[in-house]
């Protein structure tokens, strides 16, 4: 059971991030009604949240409590994990590219301040603070994306190990 301690810790940390993402997701949904282009990011963020929650339910129910789960839960984990893998890879590649090309961040900050030159709130933020904040966000997203990829890999290993605990919805028998 101690071998699962890192997975358990990561699962709880991902739940905290999922709670934060759910707030962002609700705001995206409200904005998506005004701009249809925001439905795509809404679906992606929703899939990440669904993956985190369903994998946690599987872990608690099947691995920790040694109960059975329906095949529907496993299908939901698999579908949402594929979208989460794409999300993670995109954020990982984008984050690494941005951090290895600091001129991209500098150019973005310069363009931001150019567009916000009449905004008094934007004048209170220094360029260095904005660059440091964006780098911090990039580091967090790289860490988060890497953690998600590792978590998905470990979840699939657990699903394979506990395959006998998955009940087929149609036949009420275990899958082999």
C-alpha atoms as a PDB file:
ATOM      1  CA  UNK A   1       0.000   0.000   0.000  1.00  0.00           C
ATOM      2  CA  UNK A   2       2.974   2.334   0.596  1.00  0.00           C
ATOM      3  CA  UNK A   3       3.891   1.963  -3.081  1.00  0.00           C
ATOM      4  CA  UNK A   4       0.710   3.868  -3.904  1.00  0.00           C
ATOM      5  CA  UNK A   5       1.519   6.819  -1.639  1.00  0.00           C
ATOM      6  CA  UNK A   6       2.970   9.018  -4.442  1.00  0.00           C
ATOM      7  CA  UNK A   7      -0.050   8.252  -6.635  1.00  0.00           C
ATOM      8  CA  UNK A   8      -2.399   9.113  -3.760  1.00  0.00           C
ATOM      9  CA  UNK A   9      -0.609  12.407  -3.062  1.00  0.00           C
ATOM     10  CA  UNK A  10      -0.616  13.375  -6.738  1.00  0.00           C
ATOM     11  CA  UNK A  11      -4.317  12.472  -6.978  1.00  0.00           C
ATOM     12  CA  UNK A  12      -5.214  14.770  -4.095  1.00  0.00           C
ATOM     13  CA  UNK A  13      -3.094  17.597  -5.519  1.00  0.00           C
ATOM     14  CA  UNK A  14      -4.751  17.157  -8.904  1.00  0.00           C
ATOM     15  CA  UNK A  15      -8.152  17.432  -7.200  1.00  0.00           C
ATOM     16  CA  UNK A  16      -7.167  20.869  -5.921  1.00  0.00           C
ATOM     17  CA  UNK A  17      -6.140  21.920  -9.431  1.00  0.00           C
ATOM     18  CA  UNK A  18      -9.382  20.441 -10.801  1.00  0.00           C
ATOM     19  CA  UNK A  19     -11.358  22.581  -8.352  1.00  0.00           C
ATOM     20  CA  UNK A  20      -9.546  25.680  -9.607  1.00  0.00           C
ATOM     21  CA  UNK A  21     -10.035  24.570 -13.236  1.00  0.00           C
ATOM     22  CA  UNK A  22     -13.751  24.059 -12.601  1.00  0.00           C
ATOM     23  CA  UNK A  23     -14.098  27.725 -11.654  1.00  0.00           C
ATOM     24  CA  UNK A  24     -12.259  28.705 -14.838  1.00  0.00           C
ATOM     25  CA  UNK A  25     -14.424  26.251 -16.769  1.00  0.00           C
ATOM     26  CA  UNK A  26     -17.624  27.842 -15.480  1.00  0.00           C
ATOM     27  CA  UNK A  27     -16.377  31.265 -16.527  1.00  0.00           C
ATOM     28  CA  UNK A  28     -15.451  29.853 -19.944  1.00  0.00           C
ATOM     29  CA  UNK A  29     -18.934  28.415 -20.324  1.00  0.00           C
ATOM     30  CA  UNK A  30     -20.487  31.788 -19.594  1.00  0.00           C
ATOM     31  CA  UNK A  31     -18.161  33.476 -22.071  1.00  0.00           C
ATOM     32  CA  UNK A  32     -18.732  30.720 -24.634  1.00  0.00           C
ATOM     33  CA  UNK A  33     -22.359  31.726 -24.919  1.00  0.00           C
ATOM     34  CA  UNK A  34     -21.142  35.085 -26.230  1.00  0.00           C
ATOM     35  CA  UNK A  35     -18.243  33.669 -28.273  1.00  0.00           C
ATOM     36  CA  UNK A  36     -18.703  30.183 -29.743  1.00  0.00           C
ATOM     37  CA  UNK A  37     -14.930  29.776 -30.214  1.00  0.00           C
ATOM     38  CA  UNK A  38     -14.561  29.306 -26.446  1.00  0.00           C
ATOM     39  CA  UNK A  39     -16.497  26.032 -26.486  1.00  0.00           C
ATOM     40  CA  UNK A  40     -13.399  24.145 -27.631  1.00  0.00           C
ATOM     41  CA  UNK A  41     -11.238  25.216 -24.641  1.00  0.00           C
ATOM     42  CA  UNK A  42     -14.264  24.619 -22.416  1.00  0.00           C
ATOM     43  CA  UNK A  43     -14.499  21.014 -23.653  1.00  0.00           C
ATOM     44  CA  UNK A  44     -10.769  20.463 -23.168  1.00  0.00           C
ATOM     45  CA  UNK A  45     -10.749  21.882 -19.634  1.00  0.00           C
ATOM     46  CA  UNK A  46     -13.895  19.869 -18.839  1.00  0.00           C
ATOM     47  CA  UNK A  47     -12.208  16.688 -20.036  1.00  0.00           C
ATOM     48  CA  UNK A  48      -9.197  17.322 -17.808  1.00  0.00           C
ATOM     49  CA  UNK A  49     -11.510  17.856 -14.834  1.00  0.00           C
ATOM     50  CA  UNK A  50     -13.512  14.727 -15.703  1.00  0.00           C
ATOM     51  CA  UNK A  51     -10.308  12.667 -15.988  1.00  0.00           C
ATOM     52  CA  UNK A  52      -9.014  13.853 -12.601  1.00  0.00           C
ATOM     53  CA  UNK A  53     -12.318  13.163 -10.841  1.00  0.00           C
ATOM     54  CA  UNK A  54     -13.039   9.785 -12.480  1.00  0.00           C
ATOM     55  CA  UNK A  55      -9.508   8.490 -11.921  1.00  0.00           C
ATOM     56  CA  UNK A  56      -9.790   9.533  -8.271  1.00  0.00           C
ATOM     57  CA  UNK A  57     -13.139   7.733  -7.955  1.00  0.00           C
ATOM     58  CA  UNK A  58     -11.582   4.614  -9.505  1.00  0.00           C
ATOM     59  CA  UNK A  59      -8.620   4.810  -7.146  1.00  0.00           C
ATOM     60  CA  UNK A  60     -10.715   5.237  -4.008  1.00  0.00           C
ATOM     61  CA  UNK A  61     -13.402   2.739  -4.956  1.00  0.00           C
ATOM     62  CA  UNK A  62     -11.414  -0.073  -6.574  1.00  0.00           C
ATOM     63  CA  UNK A  63      -7.836   0.212  -5.348  1.00  0.00           C
ATOM     64  CA  UNK A  64      -8.372   1.537  -1.824  1.00  0.00           C
ATOM     65  CA  UNK A  65     -11.735   0.006  -0.877  1.00  0.00           C
ATOM     66  CA  UNK A  66     -11.419  -3.150  -3.028  1.00  0.00           C
ATOM     67  CA  UNK A  67     -14.918  -2.731  -4.512  1.00  0.00           C
ATOM     68  CA  UNK A  68     -16.053  -3.182  -8.073  1.00  0.00           C
ATOM     69  CA  UNK A  69     -16.781  -0.470 -10.585  1.00  0.00           C
ATOM     70  CA  UNK A  70     -18.748  -0.366 -13.785  1.00  0.00           C
ATOM     71  CA  UNK A  71     -17.155  -0.459 -17.180  1.00  0.00           C
ATOM     72  CA  UNK A  72     -18.741   2.931 -17.853  1.00  0.00           C
ATOM     73  CA  UNK A  73     -16.321   4.539 -15.378  1.00  0.00           C
ATOM     74  CA  UNK A  74     -13.337   2.984 -17.149  1.00  0.00           C
ATOM     75  CA  UNK A  75     -14.626   4.185 -20.538  1.00  0.00           C
ATOM     76  CA  UNK A  76     -15.029   7.683 -19.124  1.00  0.00           C
ATOM     77  CA  UNK A  77     -11.468   7.568 -17.784  1.00  0.00           C
ATOM     78  CA  UNK A  78     -10.129   6.403 -21.144  1.00  0.00           C
ATOM     79  CA  UNK A  79     -11.975   8.986 -23.237  1.00  0.00           C
ATOM     80  CA  UNK A  80     -11.138  11.900 -20.964  1.00  0.00           C
ATOM     81  CA  UNK A  81      -7.532  10.718 -20.593  1.00  0.00           C
ATOM     82  CA  UNK A  82      -6.956  10.856 -24.361  1.00  0.00           C
ATOM     83  CA  UNK A  83      -8.054  14.487 -24.430  1.00  0.00           C
ATOM     84  CA  UNK A  84      -6.007  15.144 -21.283  1.00  0.00           C
ATOM     85  CA  UNK A  85      -2.922  13.637 -22.942  1.00  0.00           C
ATOM     86  CA  UNK A  86      -3.335  16.004 -25.887  1.00  0.00           C
ATOM     87  CA  UNK A  87      -3.873  18.925 -23.487  1.00  0.00           C
ATOM     88  CA  UNK A  88      -0.765  17.982 -21.499  1.00  0.00           C
ATOM     89  CA  UNK A  89       1.442  17.520 -24.538  1.00  0.00           C
ATOM     90  CA  UNK A  90       0.349  20.863 -25.992  1.00  0.00           C
ATOM     91  CA  UNK A  91       1.024  22.691 -22.723  1.00  0.00           C
ATOM     92  CA  UNK A  92       4.339  20.874 -22.262  1.00  0.00           C
ATOM     93  CA  UNK A  93       5.586  21.668 -25.766  1.00  0.00           C
ATOM     94  CA  UNK A  94       4.294  25.240 -25.636  1.00  0.00           C
ATOM     95  CA  UNK A  95       5.768  25.840 -22.191  1.00  0.00           C
ATOM     96  CA  UNK A  96       9.178  24.428 -23.081  1.00  0.00           C
ATOM     97  CA  UNK A  97       9.273  26.359 -26.338  1.00  0.00           C
ATOM     98  CA  UNK A  98       8.354  29.583 -24.592  1.00  0.00           C
ATOM     99  CA  UNK A  99      10.909  29.134 -21.811  1.00  0.00           C
ATOM    100  CA  UNK A 100      13.707  28.295 -24.244  1.00  0.00           C
ATOM    101  CA  UNK A 101      12.835  31.355 -26.346  1.00  0.00           C
ATOM    102  CA  UNK A 102      12.627  34.231 -23.863  1.00  0.00           C
ATOM    103  CA  UNK A 103      12.105  36.664 -26.727  1.00  0.00           C
ATOM    104  CA  UNK A 104       8.584  35.254 -27.157  1.00  0.00           C
ATOM    105  CA  UNK A 105       7.655  36.276 -23.614  1.00  0.00           C
ATOM    106  CA  UNK A 106       9.294  39.688 -24.005  1.00  0.00           C
ATOM    107  CA  UNK A 107       7.486  40.291 -27.294  1.00  0.00           C
ATOM    108  CA  UNK A 108       4.154  39.252 -25.751  1.00  0.00           C
ATOM    109  CA  UNK A 109       4.640  41.603 -22.787  1.00  0.00           C
ATOM    110  CA  UNK A 110       5.650  44.453 -25.096  1.00  0.00           C
ATOM    111  CA  UNK A 111       2.532  43.921 -27.242  1.00  0.00           C
ATOM    112  CA  UNK A 112       0.372  43.681 -24.112  1.00  0.00           C
ATOM    113  CA  UNK A 113       1.603  47.014 -22.796  1.00  0.00           C
ATOM    114  CA  UNK A 114       1.249  48.596 -26.241  1.00  0.00           C
ATOM    115  CA  UNK A 115      -2.408  47.576 -26.422  1.00  0.00           C
ATOM    116  CA  UNK A 116      -3.035  48.659 -22.819  1.00  0.00           C
ATOM    117  CA  UNK A 117      -1.277  52.031 -22.973  1.00  0.00           C
ATOM    118  CA  UNK A 118      -4.474  53.902 -22.021  1.00  0.00           C
ATOM    119  CA  UNK A 119      -5.292  51.554 -19.138  1.00  0.00           C
ATOM    120  CA  UNK A 120      -4.114  53.051 -15.811  1.00  0.00           C
ATOM    121  CA  UNK A 121      -4.030  49.617 -14.129  1.00  0.00           C
ATOM    122  CA  UNK A 122      -1.581  48.294 -16.732  1.00  0.00           C
ATOM    123  CA  UNK A 123       0.802  51.174 -16.021  1.00  0.00           C
ATOM    124  CA  UNK A 124       1.189  50.018 -12.418  1.00  0.00           C
ATOM    125  CA  UNK A 125       2.660  46.672 -13.471  1.00  0.00           C
ATOM    126  CA  UNK A 126       6.309  46.639 -14.444  1.00  0.00           C
ATOM    127  CA  UNK A 127       7.618  44.740 -17.434  1.00  0.00           C
ATOM    128  CA  UNK A 128       9.885  42.648 -15.210  1.00  0.00           C
ATOM    129  CA  UNK A 129       6.979  41.666 -12.957  1.00  0.00           C
ATOM    130  CA  UNK A 130       4.882  40.628 -15.942  1.00  0.00           C
ATOM    131  CA  UNK A 131       7.725  38.559 -17.433  1.00  0.00           C
ATOM    132  CA  UNK A 132       8.406  36.880 -14.074  1.00  0.00           C
ATOM    133  CA  UNK A 133       4.703  36.090 -13.661  1.00  0.00           C
ATOM    134  CA  UNK A 134       4.453  34.589 -17.129  1.00  0.00           C
ATOM    135  CA  UNK A 135       7.556  32.478 -16.525  1.00  0.00           C
ATOM    136  CA  UNK A 136       6.051  31.267 -13.248  1.00  0.00           C
ATOM    137  CA  UNK A 137       2.847  30.311 -15.047  1.00  0.00           C
ATOM    138  CA  UNK A 138       4.884  28.461 -17.694  1.00  0.00           C
ATOM    139  CA  UNK A 139       6.815  26.535 -15.026  1.00  0.00           C
ATOM    140  CA  UNK A 140       3.549  25.601 -13.318  1.00  0.00           C
ATOM    141  CA  UNK A 141       1.989  24.441 -16.594  1.00  0.00           C
ATOM    142  CA  UNK A 142       5.053  22.335 -17.449  1.00  0.00           C
ATOM    143  CA  UNK A 143       4.947  20.745 -13.987  1.00  0.00           C
ATOM    144  CA  UNK A 144       1.185  20.241 -14.208  1.00  0.00           C
ATOM    145  CA  UNK A 145       1.339  18.718 -17.707  1.00  0.00           C
ATOM    146  CA  UNK A 146       4.161  16.368 -16.724  1.00  0.00           C
ATOM    147  CA  UNK A 147       2.322  15.332 -13.561  1.00  0.00           C
ATOM    148  CA  UNK A 148      -0.838  14.641 -15.564  1.00  0.00           C
ATOM    149  CA  UNK A 149       1.046  12.452 -18.055  1.00  0.00           C
ATOM    150  CA  UNK A 150       2.658  10.445 -15.242  1.00  0.00           C
ATOM    151  CA  UNK A 151      -0.704  10.159 -13.463  1.00  0.00           C
ATOM    152  CA  UNK A 152      -2.412   8.869 -16.617  1.00  0.00           C
ATOM    153  CA  UNK A 153       0.309   6.277 -17.106  1.00  0.00           C
ATOM    154  CA  UNK A 154      -0.023   5.090 -13.504  1.00  0.00           C
ATOM    155  CA  UNK A 155      -3.829   5.064 -13.759  1.00  0.00           C
ATOM    156  CA  UNK A 156      -3.674   2.748 -16.764  1.00  0.00           C
ATOM    157  CA  UNK A 157      -1.334   0.456 -14.843  1.00  0.00           C
ATOM    158  CA  UNK A 158      -3.837   0.355 -11.957  1.00  0.00           C
ATOM    159  CA  UNK A 159      -6.729  -0.331 -14.338  1.00  0.00           C
ATOM    160  CA  UNK A 160      -4.782  -3.241 -15.806  1.00  0.00           C
ATOM    161  CA  UNK A 161      -3.908  -4.583 -12.335  1.00  0.00           C
ATOM    162  CA  UNK A 162      -7.520  -4.373 -11.121  1.00  0.00           C
ATOM    163  CA  UNK A 163      -9.186  -5.508 -14.327  1.00  0.00           C
ATOM    164  CA  UNK A 164     -11.061  -8.222 -12.448  1.00  0.00           C
ATOM    165  CA  UNK A 165     -12.861  -5.539 -10.400  1.00  0.00           C
ATOM    166  CA  UNK A 166     -14.484  -4.001 -13.476  1.00  0.00           C
ATOM    167  CA  UNK A 167     -18.055  -5.125 -14.033  1.00  0.00           C
ATOM    168  CA  UNK A 168     -19.371  -5.321 -17.556  1.00  0.00           C
ATOM    169  CA  UNK A 169     -22.611  -3.312 -17.574  1.00  0.00           C
ATOM    170  CA  UNK A 170     -24.395  -5.609 -20.018  1.00  0.00           C
ATOM    171  CA  UNK A 171     -23.644  -9.000 -18.503  1.00  0.00           C
ATOM    172  CA  UNK A 172     -22.943  -8.195 -14.838  1.00  0.00           C
ATOM    173  CA  UNK A 173     -19.772 -10.259 -14.997  1.00  0.00           C
ATOM    174  CA  UNK A 174     -16.173  -9.264 -14.574  1.00  0.00           C
ATOM    175  CA  UNK A 175     -13.994  -8.583 -17.570  1.00  0.00           C
ATOM    176  CA  UNK A 176     -10.994 -10.809 -18.170  1.00  0.00           C
END
